[in-house]
Amino acid sequence: MKNLIYIGLPLLILIGCADDKLPVVPPDIISDHTLNDTDDPAIWINPQNSAESIVFGTDKETNGAIYAFGLDGKIIADKTLRDMQRPNNVDVGYGLRINDSLTTDFLVFTERERQQIRVFSVPDMKALDGGGIPVFTDVESIEFKLPMGIAIHRSAKDGSLYVIVGRKTGPLKEYLYQYRLEMDSLQQLNAQLVRKFGNFSGKKEIEAIAVDDELGFVYFSDEQHCIRKYYADPSLGNEELDCFGGEQFLGDIEGIAIADFGNGTGFLIVSDQQRGQFNIFDRKSNRYIKAVNLGTLETDGCEVVTVPLNNTFKNGLFVAMNDQKNFYFYDLKKLGLEP
């Protein structure tokens, strides 16, 4: 939910703006503008040439798109997916098996108004899903069938690939569905429902979902309540492991990015939307560490990678949605995070 008041064109008043004591960290790159309403980014690291990595970002409207940006923030027209019906959240995965000899990196996102998820190969941007995979099909109420958040999980146990999908609204129990992705003999992707899980406070909604594959946890933002933590592996059960951080946020708890520095070290970076800043938590203990003000307005989604990409992003890349129809790119060192 955005809390912005516009008076004319040049004047912008923020309700619940960032703490004045926090210095603003300016972005290294500001992306080109999208047509409608930016929401959530994902970062694909090009394994052949990291300087040619791609930032994908959703443009959330009926005539929406998944925009592709180079590391210079410029739109890559031939990698951009258009004519999507309210694409909401997006994630990137690696090594999806097409057949015995072929794998591909891939992009997943929710297409809310079509009540489905989409899966495309990266970087050639070919549909792998036959036009879309319906989700929440066992739910009668249309209100509970509208997909919103999504995250990929690769099992450390057997390499299985899953997507965890949230929705615009849902019940107080089993708010999220987890699906295993499998390619059939016709090389079309299917999704098998393996579990329903996740508590919901009922206060607002659940959108942001992030998975820590190395440590085996999934986190999601129960807006205006807490960050919830569960096992990502369905075989480990549906018990809630933690519900933390709520006291650090002014209003909506939004996008979650996991900065993985290896060997279990790193940070969770979470958007404090109405305050206009990001709260940072220790990856292992989930202890609150600090907040940073990156100058973005009303940030929904964010994403991070911790490997060098090019001369601008020598220490990794953090991307945050900005409520001016664009995304801000930062060298990770600017956030003051060290391995």
Protein backbone atom coordinates (compact mmCIF):
# COMPACT_ATOMS: atom_id res chain seq x y z
CA MET A 1 0.00 0.00 0.00
CA LYS A 2 1.46 3.33 -1.02
CA ASN A 3 1.04 6.39 1.18
CA LEU A 4 1.99 9.21 -1.16
CA ILE A 5 0.21 12.50 -1.70
CA TYR A 6 0.89 14.38 -4.91
CA ILE A 7 0.13 18.10 -5.12
CA GLY A 8 0.61 19.17 -8.72
CA LEU A 9 3.55 17.60 -10.50
CA PRO A 10 6.67 18.77 -8.68
CA LEU A 11 5.63 18.57 -5.05
CA LEU A 12 5.75 15.27 -3.22
CA ILE A 13 4.85 14.84 0.43
CA LEU A 14 5.79 11.58 2.10
CA ILE A 15 3.81 10.29 5.05
CA GLY A 16 6.15 8.45 7.40
CA CYS A 17 9.34 9.43 5.59
CA ALA A 18 12.80 8.14 6.41
CA ASP A 19 14.53 9.04 9.64
CA ASP A 20 16.27 12.39 9.05
CA LYS A 21 19.28 11.14 11.04
CA LEU A 22 20.06 8.51 8.43
CA PRO A 23 22.17 9.85 5.56
CA VAL A 24 20.82 9.14 2.09
CA VAL A 25 22.91 6.68 0.10
CA PRO A 26 22.55 7.63 -3.58
CA PRO A 27 22.19 4.95 -6.26
CA ASP A 28 24.92 4.25 -8.78
CA ILE A 29 22.37 3.74 -11.55
CA ILE A 30 18.71 4.70 -11.97
CA SER A 31 16.91 2.55 -14.52
CA ASP A 32 14.77 3.67 -17.41
CA HIS A 33 11.10 4.16 -16.56
CA THR A 34 8.43 1.52 -17.06
CA LEU A 35 4.96 2.29 -18.36
CA ASN A 36 2.80 1.67 -15.30
CA ASP A 37 3.91 0.63 -11.81
CA THR A 38 7.18 -1.05 -10.87
CA ASP A 39 7.04 -3.65 -8.13
CA ASP A 40 9.68 -6.39 -7.83
CA PRO A 41 13.17 -7.03 -9.28
CA ALA A 42 15.24 -10.18 -9.88
CA ILE A 43 18.86 -10.46 -11.01
CA TRP A 44 20.23 -12.99 -13.48
CA ILE A 45 24.01 -13.45 -13.37
CA ASN A 46 25.36 -14.24 -16.83
CA PRO A 47 27.73 -17.19 -16.30
CA GLN A 48 29.73 -16.40 -19.45
CA ASN A 49 30.15 -12.68 -18.83
CA SER A 50 28.90 -11.18 -15.56
CA ALA A 51 29.03 -7.68 -17.08
CA GLU A 52 26.16 -8.78 -19.33
CA SER A 53 23.93 -9.82 -16.44
CA ILE A 54 20.29 -8.74 -16.52
CA VAL A 55 18.02 -7.09 -13.98
CA PHE A 56 14.38 -8.05 -14.49
CA GLY A 57 11.59 -5.96 -13.03
CA THR A 58 7.81 -6.28 -12.98
CA ASP A 59 5.49 -3.57 -14.26
CA LYS A 60 2.29 -4.31 -12.38
CA GLU A 61 -0.82 -3.53 -14.43
CA THR A 62 -3.29 -5.20 -16.80
CA ASN A 63 -1.08 -4.15 -19.72
CA GLY A 64 2.01 -5.05 -17.73
CA ALA A 65 5.42 -6.44 -18.56
CA ILE A 66 8.59 -8.00 -17.23
CA TYR A 67 11.20 -5.41 -18.15
CA ALA A 68 14.80 -6.43 -18.76
CA PHE A 69 17.53 -3.92 -17.91
CA GLY A 70 21.25 -3.98 -18.54
CA LEU A 71 23.58 -3.03 -15.69
CA ASP A 72 23.51 0.48 -17.12
CA GLY A 73 19.79 0.65 -16.31
CA LYS A 74 18.75 0.78 -19.95
CA ILE A 75 15.82 -1.34 -21.12
CA ILE A 76 16.77 -4.37 -23.24
CA ALA A 77 13.83 -4.44 -25.63
CA ASP A 78 14.31 -7.95 -27.02
CA LYS A 79 14.49 -9.48 -23.52
CA THR A 80 11.41 -7.66 -22.21
CA LEU A 81 8.17 -9.68 -21.93
CA ARG A 82 5.07 -7.60 -22.69
CA ASP A 83 1.29 -8.11 -22.69
CA MET A 84 1.22 -9.68 -19.24
CA GLN A 85 -1.85 -9.23 -17.05
CA ARG A 86 -0.67 -7.68 -13.80
CA PRO A 87 2.67 -9.45 -13.28
CA ASN A 88 3.46 -9.04 -9.61
CA ASN A 89 6.59 -10.69 -8.24
CA VAL A 90 9.51 -12.30 -10.06
CA ASP A 91 12.44 -14.59 -9.32
CA VAL A 92 15.34 -16.13 -11.24
CA GLY A 93 16.64 -19.68 -11.04
CA TYR A 94 19.45 -21.72 -12.59
CA GLY A 95 19.80 -25.18 -14.06
CA LEU A 96 16.24 -26.21 -14.89
CA ARG A 97 16.51 -29.58 -16.65
CA ILE A 98 14.85 -29.63 -20.06
CA ASN A 99 15.97 -33.17 -20.97
CA ASP A 100 18.83 -35.55 -20.19
CA SER A 101 21.38 -33.34 -21.93
CA LEU A 102 19.99 -29.81 -21.67
CA THR A 103 19.41 -27.36 -18.84
CA THR A 104 18.48 -23.69 -18.83
CA ASP A 105 18.36 -20.76 -16.46
CA PHE A 106 14.84 -19.48 -15.99
CA LEU A 107 12.53 -16.71 -14.87
CA VAL A 108 9.30 -17.21 -12.91
CA PHE A 109 6.65 -14.64 -12.10
CA THR A 110 3.04 -14.42 -10.99
CA GLU A 111 0.41 -13.21 -13.45
CA ARG A 112 -2.31 -12.19 -11.07
CA GLU A 113 -5.26 -11.47 -13.36
CA ARG A 114 -4.82 -14.80 -15.17
CA GLN A 115 -4.48 -16.67 -11.83
CA GLN A 116 -1.28 -18.38 -12.93
CA ILE A 117 2.48 -18.36 -12.87
CA ARG A 118 4.70 -18.00 -15.92
CA VAL A 119 8.09 -19.61 -16.58
CA PHE A 120 10.52 -18.46 -19.30
CA SER A 121 14.04 -19.54 -20.20
CA VAL A 122 16.84 -17.02 -19.68
CA PRO A 123 18.42 -15.36 -21.59
CA ASP A 124 16.53 -16.39 -24.72
CA MET A 125 13.12 -15.63 -23.09
CA LYS A 126 11.19 -18.59 -24.46
CA ALA A 127 8.01 -19.74 -22.69
CA LEU A 128 8.43 -23.13 -20.98
CA ASP A 129 4.95 -23.35 -19.50
CA GLY A 130 2.57 -23.74 -22.45
CA GLY A 131 1.11 -20.32 -21.81
CA GLY A 132 0.91 -20.47 -18.03
CA ILE A 133 0.50 -22.77 -15.02
CA PRO A 134 -2.67 -22.23 -12.94
CA VAL A 135 -2.24 -21.98 -9.16
CA PHE A 136 -4.59 -22.22 -6.17
CA THR A 137 -6.88 -24.34 -8.36
CA ASP A 138 -8.53 -26.05 -5.37
CA VAL A 139 -9.80 -22.72 -4.01
CA GLU A 140 -13.36 -21.69 -4.82
CA SER A 141 -13.22 -18.01 -3.87
CA ILE A 142 -11.73 -15.86 -6.65
CA GLU A 143 -10.45 -13.54 -3.93
CA PHE A 144 -8.13 -16.30 -2.67
CA LYS A 145 -6.92 -17.36 -6.15
CA LEU A 146 -4.95 -14.24 -7.18
CA PRO A 147 -1.19 -15.01 -7.08
CA MET A 148 1.14 -12.30 -5.85
CA GLY A 149 4.50 -13.29 -4.31
CA ILE A 150 6.81 -16.00 -5.66
CA ALA A 151 10.23 -17.46 -4.86
CA ILE A 152 12.31 -20.36 -6.18
CA HIS A 153 13.78 -23.05 -3.94
CA ARG A 154 16.32 -25.69 -4.99
CA SER A 155 16.52 -28.58 -2.55
CA ALA A 156 20.00 -29.26 -1.17
CA LYS A 157 18.86 -32.82 -0.55
CA ASP A 158 18.01 -33.98 -4.08
CA GLY A 159 18.22 -30.92 -6.35
CA SER A 160 14.45 -30.67 -6.86
CA LEU A 161 13.19 -27.26 -7.96
CA TYR A 162 10.19 -25.66 -6.30
CA VAL A 163 8.27 -22.42 -6.44
CA ILE A 164 6.58 -21.03 -3.35
CA VAL A 165 3.59 -18.87 -4.27
CA GLY A 166 1.61 -16.38 -2.20
CA ARG A 167 -1.59 -14.53 -3.01
CA LYS A 168 -3.24 -11.14 -2.69
CA THR A 169 -5.26 -12.34 0.29
CA GLY A 170 -5.85 -15.67 1.96
CA PRO A 171 -6.79 -17.66 5.05
CA LEU A 172 -5.09 -17.42 8.45
CA LYS A 173 -3.50 -20.84 7.81
CA GLU A 174 -1.98 -22.31 4.62
CA TYR A 175 -1.60 -18.94 2.92
CA LEU A 176 1.28 -20.18 0.71
CA TYR A 177 1.40 -23.10 -1.72
CA GLN A 178 4.59 -24.89 -2.71
CA TYR A 179 4.88 -26.57 -6.13
CA ARG A 180 7.58 -28.86 -7.55
CA LEU A 181 8.59 -27.95 -11.12
CA GLU A 182 8.95 -30.88 -13.48
CA MET A 183 9.44 -31.10 -17.24
CA ASP A 184 7.30 -33.68 -19.05
CA SER A 185 8.24 -35.81 -22.07
CA LEU A 186 7.00 -33.04 -24.40
CA GLN A 187 9.37 -30.58 -22.73
CA GLN A 188 6.52 -28.63 -21.20
CA LEU A 189 6.81 -27.57 -17.59
CA ASN A 190 4.32 -28.74 -14.97
CA ALA A 191 3.90 -27.80 -11.33
CA GLN A 192 2.88 -30.39 -8.75
CA LEU A 193 1.42 -29.11 -5.46
CA VAL A 194 3.44 -30.57 -2.57
CA ARG A 195 2.23 -28.59 0.43
CA LYS A 196 0.19 -25.70 1.82
CA PHE A 197 1.67 -23.77 4.73
CA GLY A 198 2.20 -20.40 6.34
CA ASN A 199 0.40 -18.42 9.03
CA PHE A 200 -1.20 -15.05 8.34
CA SER A 201 -2.07 -12.36 10.87
CA GLY A 202 -5.05 -11.13 8.85
CA LYS A 203 -3.83 -7.55 9.16
CA LYS A 204 -3.07 -6.80 5.51
CA GLU A 205 -1.45 -9.21 3.02
CA ILE A 206 1.59 -11.36 2.27
CA GLU A 207 3.63 -10.47 -0.81
CA ALA A 208 7.41 -10.72 -0.40
CA ILE A 209 8.87 -14.24 -0.25
CA ALA A 210 12.58 -15.14 -0.20
CA VAL A 211 14.34 -18.49 0.13
CA ASP A 212 17.76 -19.15 1.66
CA ASP A 213 18.74 -22.35 -0.15
CA GLU A 214 22.01 -22.86 1.71
CA LEU A 215 20.48 -22.65 5.18
CA GLY A 216 17.18 -24.14 4.09
CA PHE A 217 14.71 -21.46 5.18
CA VAL A 218 11.90 -19.52 3.54
CA TYR A 219 10.99 -16.04 4.78
CA PHE A 220 7.90 -14.03 3.97
CA SER A 221 6.56 -10.63 4.99
CA ASP A 222 3.29 -10.63 6.89
CA GLU A 223 2.76 -6.92 6.34
CA GLN A 224 2.23 -4.84 9.49
CA HIS A 225 3.00 -7.88 11.66
CA CYS A 226 6.35 -9.71 11.31
CA ILE A 227 8.77 -11.59 9.08
CA ARG A 228 7.80 -15.25 9.21
CA LYS A 229 10.32 -18.10 8.90
CA TYR A 230 9.76 -21.76 7.91
CA TYR A 231 11.74 -24.68 6.54
CA ALA A 232 11.92 -24.54 2.76
CA ASP A 233 12.07 -28.34 2.44
CA PRO A 234 8.51 -29.71 2.52
CA SER A 235 9.67 -32.92 4.21
CA LEU A 236 10.76 -30.98 7.32
CA GLY A 237 7.22 -29.95 8.14
CA ASN A 238 5.14 -26.80 8.38
CA GLU A 239 5.97 -25.58 11.88
CA GLU A 240 6.66 -21.86 12.09
CA LEU A 241 10.26 -21.31 13.23
CA ASP A 242 10.11 -17.58 13.98
CA CYS A 243 8.01 -14.44 13.64
CA PHE A 244 10.42 -11.55 14.09
CA GLY A 245 11.28 -7.94 13.36
CA GLY A 246 7.84 -6.38 13.39
CA GLU A 247 8.78 -3.72 15.95
CA GLN A 248 11.41 -2.33 13.57
CA PHE A 249 8.90 -1.27 10.90
CA LEU A 250 6.70 1.79 10.68
CA GLY A 251 4.00 0.11 8.57
CA ASP A 252 4.28 -2.43 5.77
CA ILE A 253 7.06 -5.01 5.86
CA GLU A 254 7.82 -5.45 2.18
CA GLY A 255 10.58 -6.83 -0.08
CA ILE A 256 13.14 -9.30 1.30
CA ALA A 257 16.61 -9.82 -0.19
CA ILE A 258 19.17 -12.31 1.16
CA ALA A 259 22.80 -11.22 0.92
CA ASP A 260 24.67 -14.54 0.95
CA PHE A 261 28.38 -14.21 1.76
CA GLY A 262 28.90 -17.98 2.04
CA ASN A 263 29.24 -20.40 4.94
CA GLY A 264 25.95 -19.20 6.40
CA THR A 265 27.10 -15.60 6.79
CA GLY A 266 25.25 -12.62 5.40
CA PHE A 267 22.18 -10.49 5.89
CA LEU A 268 18.46 -10.16 5.29
CA ILE A 269 17.61 -6.76 3.77
CA VAL A 270 13.94 -5.87 4.20
CA SER A 271 12.02 -2.84 2.93
CA ASP A 272 10.45 -0.64 5.63
CA GLN A 273 8.06 0.81 3.07
CA GLN A 274 6.39 3.78 4.73
CA ARG A 275 9.60 4.89 6.47
CA GLY A 276 11.45 4.87 3.17
CA GLN A 277 14.39 2.79 4.36
CA PHE A 278 15.67 -0.78 4.68
CA ASN A 279 16.11 -2.80 7.86
CA ILE A 280 19.02 -5.22 7.97
CA PHE A 281 19.03 -8.45 9.97
CA ASP A 282 21.77 -11.03 10.55
CA ARG A 283 21.29 -14.02 8.28
CA LYS A 284 22.01 -16.68 10.94
CA SER A 285 20.43 -15.23 14.07
CA ASN A 286 17.85 -12.95 12.41
CA ARG A 287 18.96 -10.28 14.90
CA TYR A 288 18.27 -6.69 13.88
CA ILE A 289 21.49 -4.83 13.00
CA LYS A 290 20.71 -1.44 11.51
CA ALA A 291 18.71 0.57 8.95
CA VAL A 292 19.88 2.31 5.79
CA ASN A 293 18.22 5.06 3.77
CA LEU A 294 18.78 4.49 0.05
CA GLY A 295 16.63 7.37 -1.14
CA THR A 296 13.93 5.20 -2.71
CA LEU A 297 10.24 5.99 -2.27
CA GLU A 298 7.75 3.38 -1.02
CA THR A 299 9.88 0.37 -1.98
CA ASP A 300 8.01 -2.87 -2.63
CA GLY A 301 10.50 -5.43 -3.94
CA CYS A 302 14.29 -5.65 -3.71
CA GLU A 303 17.02 -8.14 -4.67
CA VAL A 304 20.73 -8.65 -4.12
CA VAL A 305 23.69 -10.63 -5.47
CA THR A 306 27.05 -10.71 -3.71
CA VAL A 307 29.42 -11.44 -6.60
CA PRO A 308 31.30 -8.83 -8.70
CA LEU A 309 29.51 -7.96 -11.94
CA ASN A 310 31.34 -5.06 -13.61
CA ASN A 311 33.35 -1.94 -12.76
CA THR A 312 30.28 -0.23 -11.32
CA PHE A 313 29.21 -3.17 -9.19
CA LYS A 314 32.55 -4.56 -8.03
CA ASN A 315 31.16 -5.75 -4.69
CA GLY A 316 27.82 -7.12 -5.83
CA LEU A 317 24.52 -5.47 -6.70
CA PHE A 318 21.48 -4.40 -4.68
CA VAL A 319 18.35 -3.40 -6.64
CA ALA A 320 15.34 -1.66 -5.11
CA MET A 321 12.01 -0.70 -6.63
CA ASN A 322 11.34 3.05 -6.54
CA ASP A 323 7.84 4.51 -6.68
CA GLN A 324 8.63 6.64 -9.71
CA LYS A 325 8.23 3.76 -12.20
CA ASN A 326 11.91 2.79 -12.01
CA PHE A 327 14.53 0.82 -10.10
CA TYR A 328 17.65 1.97 -8.22
CA PHE A 329 20.92 0.01 -8.55
CA TYR A 330 23.64 0.15 -5.86
CA ASP A 331 27.07 -1.34 -5.48
CA LEU A 332 26.57 -3.59 -2.46
CA LYS A 333 29.42 -1.97 -0.53
CA LYS A 334 27.33 1.21 -0.28
CA LEU A 335 25.00 -0.55 2.15
CA GLY A 336 27.90 -1.02 4.55
CA LEU A 337 27.66 -4.81 4.57
CA GLU A 338 30.82 -6.88 4.88
CA PRO A 339 31.27 -10.67 4.72
